[in-house]
Amino acid sequence: MSRFSWHRQQRAQDAASRALADTHQHVHSSADLSHAHPSRSGRTALNRLLLTLAITVSICVAEVVGGYLSGSLALLSDAGHMLTDILALLLSLFALIFASRPADARRTYGYYRLEIISAFLNGLLLFSLSAGLLYSAWLRSQHPKPIEGGLMMVFAAIGLAGNVLGAYLLAGLRHNVNLRAAFLHVLSDGVSSVGVLLGSFFIYYKNAYGVDIALSVLIAILIVVNSLRLLHESTSVLMESIPPGIDLASVRAELLAVPGVSGVHDLHIWSISSDISALSAHIVVSESSDVDSHGLLAELHRQLAATFKIMHTTIQVETVKFESDCAEGLNGRSCA
């Protein structure tokens, strides 16, 4: 029985290497994790992202100043919500910058996990921020203060204008998953700014100061929801859970449907980053079947890429006899 290792890179499929050994086969198929320099579209995305980040930081600072001067807790809460946009934009910036850095001998997956670690830390920070805002709202409800409705209105309008401009800059870049997430963050903060602006009208014309507390609580709850989602998603990646939108049973069924495959075991699927999935599996073929190994591996890779968008795969092909020998320990070593 023959054994050989096979490494296929997506960018060099016809340069697959083979080496004879003694019992089974491997294939490593990868969307190349070392990247070239950013293209013109990549530079455009980076420039727009930086401009949006600069605008968002400026508006966040303005709302903090406005909240302090006007006494509006809702403005301070909206500035906190805008901080979630800043962190989302920084994550997207991280992804764009570090995606261009190649893997090395120590970091074989490159620097993609920095995005996930950053997301986890940001989630903790946002959760703490929302807790502080809720506590401030409770204190304000116990000791109400007058609010300068006119000033609140001006700064809320500035905040809304900044969100509209940021959303416009990112609207054309939604083909990228990270930039699409940043766009949705800015859009959601725009909705929050609309609420604060409407609340400022009630405060200015009706002296309804309770509206300010209610708005700050609602915005703090929005931040809690965003922070919990961020913590859940980042923890799932760090725990190497199945990526969202991929079902293990469906992947197994897809592999078994490929002609020549009689069994699948040791199937694992995980995320390298928020938009890069990886897979490893043992594929069993019949001893008597006349299977073209090259064609089988190419078809398995094609199916995984087309159906599940899994580009980084490690597949070990083995015969029924080899699997049986492993189970019985006849080869005298681990087959994992």
Protein backbone atom coordinates (compact mmCIF):
# COMPACT_ATOMS: atom_id res chain seq x y z
CA MET A 1 0.00 0.00 0.00
CA SER A 2 1.34 3.41 -0.84
CA ARG A 3 1.33 6.66 1.09
CA PHE A 4 2.14 10.17 -0.05
CA SER A 5 1.75 13.73 1.13
CA TRP A 6 0.15 16.29 -1.13
CA HIS A 7 0.22 20.06 -0.60
CA ARG A 8 -2.04 22.23 -2.80
CA GLN A 9 -1.99 26.00 -2.63
CA GLN A 10 -4.92 27.84 -4.18
CA ARG A 11 -2.57 30.19 -6.02
CA ALA A 12 -0.45 27.34 -7.36
CA GLN A 13 -2.66 24.31 -7.81
CA ASP A 14 -0.60 22.85 -10.64
CA ALA A 15 2.53 22.89 -8.43
CA ALA A 16 1.22 20.27 -5.98
CA SER A 17 3.96 18.23 -4.40
CA ARG A 18 3.92 14.46 -3.87
CA ALA A 19 6.16 12.24 -1.72
CA LEU A 20 5.94 8.42 -1.46
CA ALA A 21 5.72 6.85 2.00
CA ASP A 22 3.90 3.78 3.31
CA THR A 23 0.19 3.82 4.07
CA HIS A 24 -2.13 6.81 3.39
CA GLN A 25 -2.44 10.20 1.75
CA HIS A 26 -2.72 13.82 2.86
CA VAL A 27 -3.78 16.96 1.04
CA HIS A 28 -3.28 20.48 2.34
CA SER A 29 -5.25 23.02 0.37
CA SER A 30 -5.00 26.63 1.40
CA ALA A 31 -6.09 30.07 0.40
CA ASP A 32 -2.58 31.48 0.57
CA LEU A 33 -2.26 33.23 3.94
CA SER A 34 0.66 35.35 2.81
CA HIS A 35 -0.60 38.35 0.90
CA ALA A 36 0.70 40.73 -1.68
CA HIS A 37 0.81 44.48 -1.30
CA PRO A 38 -2.59 46.21 -1.18
CA SER A 39 -4.21 46.89 -4.55
CA ARG A 40 -5.62 50.25 -5.62
CA SER A 41 -9.06 49.19 -4.31
CA GLY A 42 -7.38 48.16 -1.04
CA ARG A 43 -5.73 51.56 -0.72
CA THR A 44 -9.06 53.27 -1.47
CA ALA A 45 -10.75 51.22 1.25
CA LEU A 46 -7.95 52.05 3.67
CA ASN A 47 -8.15 55.80 2.90
CA ARG A 48 -11.94 55.86 3.32
CA LEU A 49 -11.70 53.89 6.52
CA LEU A 50 -9.11 56.28 7.95
CA LEU A 51 -11.21 59.30 6.98
CA THR A 52 -14.33 57.77 8.54
CA LEU A 53 -12.36 56.96 11.67
CA ALA A 54 -11.08 60.55 11.93
CA ILE A 55 -14.63 61.92 11.51
CA THR A 56 -16.07 59.49 14.07
CA VAL A 57 -13.39 60.27 16.67
CA SER A 58 -13.98 64.02 16.17
CA ILE A 59 -17.75 63.65 16.58
CA CYS A 60 -17.29 61.43 19.65
CA VAL A 61 -15.12 64.08 21.30
CA ALA A 62 -17.62 66.79 20.30
CA GLU A 63 -20.51 64.86 21.88
CA VAL A 64 -18.54 64.35 25.10
CA VAL A 65 -17.93 68.12 25.24
CA GLY A 66 -21.56 68.80 24.33
CA GLY A 67 -22.83 66.38 26.95
CA TYR A 68 -20.67 68.03 29.61
CA LEU A 69 -21.67 71.58 28.67
CA SER A 70 -25.37 70.88 28.23
CA GLY A 71 -25.70 68.42 31.09
CA SER A 72 -27.17 65.80 28.74
CA LEU A 73 -26.52 62.20 29.75
CA ALA A 74 -28.06 61.09 26.43
CA LEU A 75 -25.32 62.92 24.51
CA LEU A 76 -22.65 61.26 26.67
CA SER A 77 -24.34 57.89 26.07
CA ASP A 78 -24.42 58.53 22.33
CA ALA A 79 -20.70 59.35 22.52
CA GLY A 80 -20.26 55.97 24.22
CA HIS A 81 -22.26 54.31 21.45
CA MET A 82 -20.05 56.10 18.96
CA LEU A 83 -17.08 54.59 20.75
CA THR A 84 -18.40 51.20 19.58
CA ASP A 85 -18.15 52.55 16.01
CA ILE A 86 -14.58 53.67 16.64
CA LEU A 87 -13.65 50.21 17.93
CA ALA A 88 -15.40 48.55 14.97
CA LEU A 89 -13.52 50.81 12.56
CA LEU A 90 -10.24 50.05 14.33
CA LEU A 91 -10.95 46.32 13.98
CA SER A 92 -11.55 46.76 10.26
CA LEU A 93 -8.36 48.81 10.05
CA PHE A 94 -6.52 46.04 11.87
CA ALA A 95 -7.82 43.50 9.37
CA LEU A 96 -6.84 45.60 6.34
CA ILE A 97 -3.33 46.34 7.62
CA PHE A 98 -2.42 42.95 9.05
CA ALA A 99 -3.94 41.04 6.12
CA SER A 100 -1.02 42.35 4.06
CA ARG A 101 1.54 40.88 6.47
CA PRO A 102 2.72 37.38 5.49
CA ALA A 103 2.85 34.37 7.77
CA ASP A 104 6.24 33.50 9.20
CA ALA A 105 8.00 30.53 10.81
CA ARG A 106 6.43 31.24 14.22
CA ARG A 107 3.02 32.56 13.14
CA THR A 108 2.02 30.10 10.42
CA TYR A 109 -1.47 31.62 10.17
CA GLY A 110 -0.11 35.14 10.07
CA TYR A 111 -1.60 37.86 12.28
CA TYR A 112 -5.30 37.23 11.74
CA ARG A 113 -6.01 36.34 15.36
CA LEU A 114 -5.03 39.86 16.44
CA GLU A 115 -8.40 40.94 15.07
CA ILE A 116 -10.16 38.42 17.29
CA ILE A 117 -8.15 39.22 20.42
CA SER A 118 -8.83 42.92 19.85
CA ALA A 119 -12.55 42.23 19.42
CA PHE A 120 -12.66 40.30 22.71
CA LEU A 121 -10.92 43.10 24.64
CA ASN A 122 -13.18 45.69 23.02
CA GLY A 123 -16.23 43.68 24.06
CA LEU A 124 -15.07 43.76 27.68
CA LEU A 125 -14.41 47.50 27.47
CA LEU A 126 -17.84 48.23 25.96
CA PHE A 127 -19.63 46.11 28.55
CA SER A 128 -17.89 48.07 31.32
CA LEU A 129 -18.77 51.35 29.60
CA SER A 130 -22.46 50.42 29.35
CA ALA A 131 -22.53 49.49 33.03
CA GLY A 132 -21.10 52.92 33.87
CA LEU A 133 -23.73 54.65 31.71
CA LEU A 134 -26.58 52.72 33.36
CA TYR A 135 -25.25 53.64 36.80
CA SER A 136 -25.02 57.31 35.76
CA ALA A 137 -28.62 57.17 34.50
CA TRP A 138 -29.74 55.78 37.85
CA LEU A 139 -27.89 58.56 39.71
CA ARG A 140 -29.44 61.18 37.42
CA SER A 141 -32.92 59.77 38.08
CA GLN A 142 -32.31 60.21 41.81
CA HIS A 143 -30.92 63.73 41.43
CA PRO A 144 -32.37 65.36 38.27
CA LYS A 145 -30.49 68.27 36.73
CA PRO A 146 -31.58 70.91 34.22
CA ILE A 147 -30.38 70.39 30.64
CA GLU A 148 -29.50 73.00 28.03
CA GLY A 149 -31.83 71.76 25.29
CA GLY A 150 -30.47 74.17 22.67
CA LEU A 151 -26.86 73.06 23.12
CA MET A 152 -27.95 69.43 23.18
CA MET A 153 -29.78 69.94 19.90
CA VAL A 154 -26.73 71.49 18.21
CA PHE A 155 -24.34 68.73 19.26
CA ALA A 156 -26.85 65.99 18.43
CA ALA A 157 -27.18 67.47 14.93
CA ILE A 158 -23.37 67.50 14.57
CA GLY A 159 -23.27 63.86 15.64
CA LEU A 160 -25.95 62.88 13.12
CA ALA A 161 -24.16 64.74 10.31
CA GLY A 162 -20.92 62.91 11.13
CA ASN A 163 -22.69 59.53 11.06
CA VAL A 164 -24.32 60.28 7.71
CA LEU A 165 -20.95 61.28 6.22
CA GLY A 166 -19.25 58.17 7.66
CA ALA A 167 -21.98 55.88 6.30
CA TYR A 168 -21.64 57.52 2.86
CA LEU A 169 -17.88 56.90 2.82
CA LEU A 170 -18.29 53.24 3.74
CA ALA A 171 -21.38 52.50 1.64
CA GLY A 172 -19.39 51.57 -1.46
CA LEU A 173 -17.07 49.19 0.41
CA ARG A 174 -19.64 46.70 1.71
CA HIS A 175 -18.23 43.81 -0.36
CA ASN A 176 -15.69 43.30 2.44
CA VAL A 177 -17.12 41.59 5.54
CA ASN A 178 -15.16 43.77 7.99
CA LEU A 179 -16.04 47.01 6.22
CA ARG A 180 -19.67 45.93 5.97
CA ALA A 181 -19.70 45.43 9.74
CA ALA A 182 -18.17 48.89 10.22
CA PHE A 183 -20.81 50.39 7.89
CA LEU A 184 -23.62 48.78 9.93
CA HIS A 185 -22.10 50.11 13.16
CA VAL A 186 -22.02 53.66 11.79
CA LEU A 187 -25.56 53.27 10.46
CA SER A 188 -26.86 52.06 13.83
CA ASP A 189 -25.21 55.00 15.57
CA GLY A 190 -26.95 57.30 13.08
CA VAL A 191 -30.27 55.90 14.30
CA SER A 192 -29.17 56.57 17.87
CA SER A 193 -28.24 60.15 16.97
CA VAL A 194 -31.69 60.68 15.42
CA GLY A 195 -33.23 59.59 18.74
CA VAL A 196 -31.04 62.01 20.70
CA LEU A 197 -31.88 64.84 18.30
CA LEU A 198 -35.62 64.20 18.66
CA GLY A 199 -35.21 64.00 22.42
CA SER A 200 -33.47 67.38 22.44
CA PHE A 201 -36.59 68.94 20.86
CA PHE A 202 -38.75 67.62 23.72
CA ILE A 203 -36.28 68.91 26.27
CA TYR A 204 -35.91 72.32 24.61
CA TYR A 205 -39.63 72.95 24.04
CA LYS A 206 -41.26 70.92 26.84
CA ASN A 207 -38.55 70.79 29.54
CA ALA A 208 -39.07 66.99 29.53
CA TYR A 209 -35.79 66.16 31.24
CA GLY A 210 -36.86 62.56 31.84
CA VAL A 211 -36.45 61.95 28.11
CA ASP A 212 -32.70 62.41 28.51
CA ILE A 213 -32.50 59.63 31.12
CA ALA A 214 -34.70 57.30 29.03
CA LEU A 215 -32.54 57.85 25.93
CA SER A 216 -29.31 57.22 27.85
CA VAL A 217 -30.70 53.93 29.18
CA LEU A 218 -31.80 52.80 25.71
CA ILE A 219 -28.41 53.63 24.21
CA ALA A 220 -26.62 51.85 27.07
CA ILE A 221 -28.74 48.76 26.37
CA LEU A 222 -27.73 48.95 22.70
CA ILE A 223 -24.08 49.01 23.76
CA VAL A 224 -24.67 46.00 26.04
CA VAL A 225 -26.17 44.05 23.13
CA ASN A 226 -23.26 44.97 20.84
CA SER A 227 -20.66 44.12 23.48
CA LEU A 228 -22.23 40.72 24.24
CA ARG A 229 -22.39 39.92 20.53
CA LEU A 230 -18.74 40.90 20.15
CA LEU A 231 -17.74 38.76 23.14
CA HIS A 232 -19.74 35.79 21.87
CA GLU A 233 -18.32 35.94 18.34
CA SER A 234 -14.71 36.45 19.42
CA THR A 235 -14.90 33.72 22.08
CA SER A 236 -16.34 31.30 19.52
CA VAL A 237 -13.34 31.88 17.24
CA LEU A 238 -10.85 31.56 20.11
CA MET A 239 -12.55 28.31 21.19
CA GLU A 240 -12.32 27.10 17.55
CA SER A 241 -16.07 26.53 17.31
CA ILE A 242 -17.83 25.77 14.04
CA PRO A 243 -18.00 29.05 12.05
CA PRO A 244 -21.45 30.68 11.79
CA GLY A 245 -23.44 29.53 8.77
CA ILE A 246 -21.63 26.18 8.49
CA ASP A 247 -23.32 22.96 9.61
CA LEU A 248 -21.05 20.01 10.42
CA ALA A 249 -23.59 17.41 9.26
CA SER A 250 -24.05 19.24 5.93
CA VAL A 251 -20.29 19.32 5.33
CA ARG A 252 -20.03 15.61 6.12
CA ALA A 253 -22.90 14.83 3.74
CA GLU A 254 -21.28 16.93 1.00
CA LEU A 255 -17.98 15.04 1.37
CA LEU A 256 -19.73 11.64 1.36
CA ALA A 257 -21.58 12.61 -1.83
CA VAL A 258 -18.29 12.89 -3.77
CA PRO A 259 -17.83 9.73 -5.91
CA GLY A 260 -15.20 7.40 -4.47
CA VAL A 261 -15.69 8.50 -0.81
CA SER A 262 -17.04 5.75 1.46
CA GLY A 263 -16.44 7.37 4.85
CA VAL A 264 -15.48 10.53 6.72
CA HIS A 265 -14.08 10.78 10.24
CA ASP A 266 -12.06 13.17 12.42
CA LEU A 267 -13.86 16.07 10.73
CA HIS A 268 -12.97 19.44 12.28
CA ILE A 269 -13.96 22.95 11.15
CA TRP A 270 -12.83 26.17 12.80
CA SER A 271 -12.20 29.86 12.11
CA ILE A 272 -8.80 31.45 11.68
CA SER A 273 -10.35 34.93 11.71
CA SER A 274 -13.82 36.38 11.28
CA ASP A 275 -13.96 35.53 7.57
CA ILE A 276 -11.42 32.71 7.07
CA SER A 277 -12.53 29.13 7.81
CA ALA A 278 -10.36 26.01 7.94
CA LEU A 279 -11.11 22.28 7.80
CA SER A 280 -9.31 19.01 8.45
CA ALA A 281 -10.73 15.53 7.79
CA HIS A 282 -9.91 11.88 7.13
CA ILE A 283 -11.52 10.59 3.91
CA VAL A 284 -11.94 6.82 3.50
CA VAL A 285 -11.96 5.22 0.03
CA SER A 286 -12.72 1.62 -0.87
CA GLU A 287 -9.77 -0.74 -1.32
CA SER A 288 -11.21 -2.05 -4.56
CA SER A 289 -12.30 1.26 -6.06
CA ASP A 290 -10.25 2.72 -8.85
CA VAL A 291 -9.96 6.24 -7.42
CA ASP A 292 -7.93 8.96 -9.09
CA SER A 293 -6.34 10.56 -6.03
CA HIS A 294 -5.56 13.81 -7.80
CA GLY A 295 -9.10 14.13 -9.15
CA LEU A 296 -10.68 13.15 -5.82
CA LEU A 297 -8.72 15.70 -3.82
CA ALA A 298 -9.38 18.41 -6.40
CA GLU A 299 -13.13 17.67 -6.29
CA LEU A 300 -13.23 17.67 -2.48
CA HIS A 301 -11.47 21.04 -2.41
CA ARG A 302 -13.76 22.44 -5.10
CA GLN A 303 -16.92 21.34 -3.26
CA LEU A 304 -15.78 22.77 0.08
CA ALA A 305 -14.78 26.09 -1.50
CA ALA A 306 -17.91 26.45 -3.65
CA THR A 307 -20.53 25.28 -1.12
CA PHE A 308 -19.10 26.41 2.22
CA LYS A 309 -16.39 28.92 1.22
CA ILE A 310 -13.80 26.88 3.16
CA MET A 311 -10.52 27.58 1.37
CA HIS A 312 -7.98 26.29 3.88
CA THR A 313 -8.27 22.48 4.05
CA THR A 314 -6.15 19.56 5.22
CA ILE A 315 -7.49 16.22 3.95
CA GLN A 316 -6.04 12.81 4.68
CA VAL A 317 -7.12 10.06 2.29
CA GLU A 318 -6.96 6.47 3.49
CA THR A 319 -8.30 3.03 2.53
CA VAL A 320 -10.83 0.98 4.45
CA LYS A 321 -8.10 -1.52 5.35
CA PHE A 322 -5.87 1.22 6.75
CA GLU A 323 -8.74 2.56 8.87
CA SER A 324 -9.47 -0.96 10.13
CA ASP A 325 -5.80 -1.55 10.98
CA CYS A 326 -5.71 1.74 12.89
CA ALA A 327 -8.80 0.78 14.90
CA GLU A 328 -7.21 -2.58 15.79
CA GLY A 329 -3.74 -1.12 16.42
CA LEU A 330 -2.17 -3.44 13.89
CA ASN A 331 0.27 -0.86 12.55
CA GLY A 332 1.76 -0.31 15.98
CA ARG A 333 1.31 3.49 15.98
CA SER A 334 -1.25 6.24 16.17
CA CYS A 335 -3.18 6.92 12.97
CA ALA A 336 -4.51 10.33 14.00
